[in-house]
Amino acid sequence: MIPENFSEVLKKVVRQLEGQGISWAVTGSVGFALQGLPVTPNDIDLQSDWQGAYEMEQIFCDHVTRSVSPKTSERMRLVTGVFELDGVQVEIIGAIQKRLPDGGWEEPVNVDDYKHFISIDSLQVPVLDLQYEQEAYLKLGRMETAALLADWLKNHKDN
């Protein structure tokens, strides 16, 4: 369950992005909570491709607190930025690439390959598949989150 203020902001985001032609999905803790995991979100994470990240920044330009820009860490590279609606922080994440064992980078994630929809008040909210999320967190070395997802998936495989 997500907090009411997060739910209201998420509905505003979905309404703004409907019909824009952007490939995107909710990821992270809000995506987990929408699919039944007992987590408390701190922000809303939206995952897209490179172009979609910059388009979302333009759509929410009056609310941007950190412009979309490239970021690279040891295990991933992406573009990321932040906007805030009604006191809720929304992170834009685009073109995620995870480091391969040989040191190269995988192709950017195609969100459409891993998303499905959850209904909230007659709105269709795209969320990333939890099996994909679990595998992604493993690749990123975020073992605690990967284990949480693996346990939940094992106990809810028939749902």
Protein backbone atom coordinates (compact mmCIF):
# COMPACT_ATOMS: atom_id res chain seq x y z
CA MET A 1 0.00 0.00 0.00
CA ILE A 2 1.35 3.40 -0.87
CA PRO A 3 0.65 6.54 1.16
CA GLU A 4 -2.34 8.59 -0.01
CA ASN A 5 -0.21 11.58 -1.05
CA PHE A 6 1.98 9.27 -3.17
CA SER A 7 -1.13 7.78 -4.76
CA GLU A 8 -2.47 11.22 -5.65
CA VAL A 9 0.86 12.33 -7.14
CA LEU A 10 1.14 9.07 -9.07
CA LYS A 11 -2.32 9.65 -10.56
CA LYS A 12 -1.28 13.17 -11.63
CA VAL A 13 1.87 11.76 -13.26
CA VAL A 14 -0.08 9.06 -15.12
CA ARG A 15 -2.61 11.61 -16.40
CA GLN A 16 0.20 13.92 -17.59
CA LEU A 17 2.09 11.14 -19.35
CA GLU A 18 -0.95 9.48 -20.99
CA GLY A 19 -0.87 9.92 -24.74
CA GLN A 20 2.64 11.41 -24.78
CA GLY A 21 4.17 8.42 -26.56
CA ILE A 22 6.76 7.91 -23.82
CA SER A 23 7.77 4.40 -22.86
CA TRP A 24 7.89 4.40 -19.05
CA ALA A 25 7.02 2.45 -15.92
CA VAL A 26 7.00 2.87 -12.15
CA THR A 27 9.94 1.08 -10.55
CA GLY A 28 11.46 0.83 -7.08
CA SER A 29 9.49 0.82 -3.86
CA VAL A 30 6.27 2.31 -5.27
CA GLY A 31 6.28 -0.30 -8.04
CA PHE A 32 6.85 -2.98 -5.40
CA ALA A 33 4.05 -1.66 -3.16
CA LEU A 34 1.60 -1.44 -6.07
CA GLN A 35 2.25 -5.15 -6.67
CA GLY A 36 1.65 -6.12 -3.05
CA LEU A 37 5.00 -5.96 -1.30
CA PRO A 38 4.87 -4.52 2.23
CA VAL A 39 7.30 -1.63 1.71
CA THR A 40 7.10 2.05 2.59
CA PRO A 41 8.20 4.28 -0.30
CA ASN A 42 10.35 7.38 0.14
CA ASP A 43 9.87 8.65 -3.41
CA ILE A 44 8.38 7.67 -6.75
CA ASP A 45 10.77 6.29 -9.38
CA LEU A 46 9.87 6.45 -13.08
CA GLN A 47 12.01 4.45 -15.51
CA SER A 48 12.19 5.22 -19.21
CA ASP A 49 14.65 5.38 -22.07
CA TRP A 50 17.03 8.27 -22.76
CA GLN A 51 14.56 10.29 -24.82
CA GLY A 52 11.68 9.58 -22.44
CA ALA A 53 13.66 10.84 -19.45
CA TYR A 54 14.27 14.20 -21.14
CA GLU A 55 10.67 14.39 -22.35
CA MET A 56 9.38 13.79 -18.80
CA GLU A 57 11.68 16.55 -17.59
CA GLN A 58 10.06 18.91 -20.12
CA ILE A 59 6.52 17.85 -19.17
CA PHE A 60 7.22 18.52 -15.48
CA CYS A 61 9.64 21.43 -16.09
CA ASP A 62 7.89 23.72 -13.60
CA HIS A 63 8.58 21.18 -10.84
CA VAL A 64 12.16 20.07 -11.65
CA THR A 65 14.53 20.20 -8.67
CA ARG A 66 17.46 18.44 -10.41
CA SER A 67 17.80 18.45 -14.19
CA VAL A 68 18.15 15.18 -16.04
CA SER A 69 21.82 14.45 -16.65
CA PRO A 70 24.12 11.45 -17.12
CA LYS A 71 25.33 9.51 -14.09
CA THR A 72 27.76 6.60 -13.98
CA SER A 73 28.64 4.36 -11.05
CA GLU A 74 30.70 1.20 -10.80
CA ARG A 75 27.73 -1.00 -11.68
CA MET A 76 25.43 1.15 -13.83
CA ARG A 77 25.07 4.19 -16.01
CA LEU A 78 21.94 6.15 -16.78
CA VAL A 79 20.42 9.58 -17.03
CA THR A 80 18.55 10.82 -13.98
CA GLY A 81 16.76 13.88 -12.65
CA VAL A 82 14.16 14.80 -10.04
CA PHE A 83 10.94 16.77 -9.87
CA GLU A 84 8.61 17.37 -6.97
CA LEU A 85 4.82 17.40 -6.96
CA ASP A 86 2.80 18.23 -3.84
CA GLY A 87 5.78 17.54 -1.60
CA VAL A 88 6.55 14.12 -3.14
CA GLN A 89 9.90 13.60 -4.83
CA VAL A 90 9.73 11.88 -8.23
CA GLU A 91 12.94 10.53 -9.72
CA ILE A 92 13.25 10.20 -13.49
CA ILE A 93 15.55 7.36 -14.53
CA GLY A 94 16.42 6.77 -18.16
CA ALA A 95 18.54 4.48 -20.32
CA ILE A 96 19.75 2.24 -17.50
CA GLN A 97 22.71 0.09 -18.46
CA LYS A 98 24.21 -2.45 -16.07
CA ARG A 99 27.89 -3.38 -16.16
CA LEU A 100 28.64 -6.77 -17.70
CA PRO A 101 31.13 -9.22 -16.16
CA ASP A 102 33.65 -8.37 -18.94
CA GLY A 103 33.53 -4.67 -17.96
CA GLY A 104 31.37 -3.58 -20.88
CA TRP A 105 27.79 -2.35 -20.65
CA GLU A 106 24.55 -4.13 -21.50
CA GLU A 107 22.17 -2.43 -23.91
CA PRO A 108 19.87 0.14 -22.26
CA VAL A 109 16.82 -1.48 -20.70
CA ASN A 110 13.72 -1.47 -22.89
CA VAL A 111 11.00 -0.77 -20.34
CA ASP A 112 8.29 -2.12 -22.65
CA ASP A 113 9.84 -5.61 -22.41
CA TYR A 114 9.23 -5.78 -18.65
CA LYS A 115 6.13 -3.75 -17.85
CA HIS A 116 2.56 -4.60 -17.11
CA PHE A 117 -0.31 -2.51 -15.76
CA ILE A 118 -1.97 -2.05 -12.37
CA SER A 119 -5.36 -0.31 -12.12
CA ILE A 120 -5.68 2.59 -9.70
CA ASP A 121 -9.01 4.43 -9.77
CA SER A 122 -9.59 3.49 -13.42
CA LEU A 123 -6.08 4.60 -14.41
CA GLN A 124 -3.66 2.09 -15.91
CA VAL A 125 -0.30 2.47 -14.16
CA PRO A 126 2.68 0.78 -15.85
CA VAL A 127 4.94 -1.07 -13.39
CA LEU A 128 8.04 -3.17 -13.95
CA ASP A 129 7.72 -6.92 -13.53
CA LEU A 130 8.99 -8.06 -10.12
CA GLN A 131 11.00 -10.97 -11.56
CA TYR A 132 12.86 -8.49 -13.78
CA GLU A 133 13.34 -6.16 -10.81
CA GLN A 134 14.78 -8.99 -8.71
CA GLU A 135 17.28 -9.89 -11.44
CA ALA A 136 18.23 -6.23 -11.96
CA TYR A 137 18.89 -5.69 -8.25
CA LEU A 138 21.09 -8.81 -8.23
CA LYS A 139 23.15 -7.43 -11.13
CA LEU A 140 23.50 -4.13 -9.29
CA GLY A 141 24.76 -5.86 -6.16
CA ARG A 142 21.78 -4.71 -4.09
CA MET A 143 21.41 -8.06 -2.38
CA GLU A 144 18.99 -7.03 0.37
CA THR A 145 16.40 -5.77 -2.11
CA ALA A 146 17.02 -8.73 -4.44
CA ALA A 147 16.45 -11.12 -1.53
CA LEU A 148 13.26 -9.29 -0.48
CA LEU A 149 11.91 -9.63 -4.01
CA ALA A 150 13.01 -13.26 -4.36
CA ASP A 151 11.30 -14.21 -1.08
CA TRP A 152 8.12 -12.39 -2.02
CA LEU A 153 8.04 -13.97 -5.47
CA LYS A 154 8.62 -17.46 -4.00
CA ASN A 155 5.74 -17.00 -1.57
CA HIS A 156 3.35 -15.44 -4.10
CA LYS A 157 4.13 -17.37 -7.29
CA ASP A 158 0.55 -18.58 -7.67
CA ASN A 159 -1.02 -15.10 -7.30
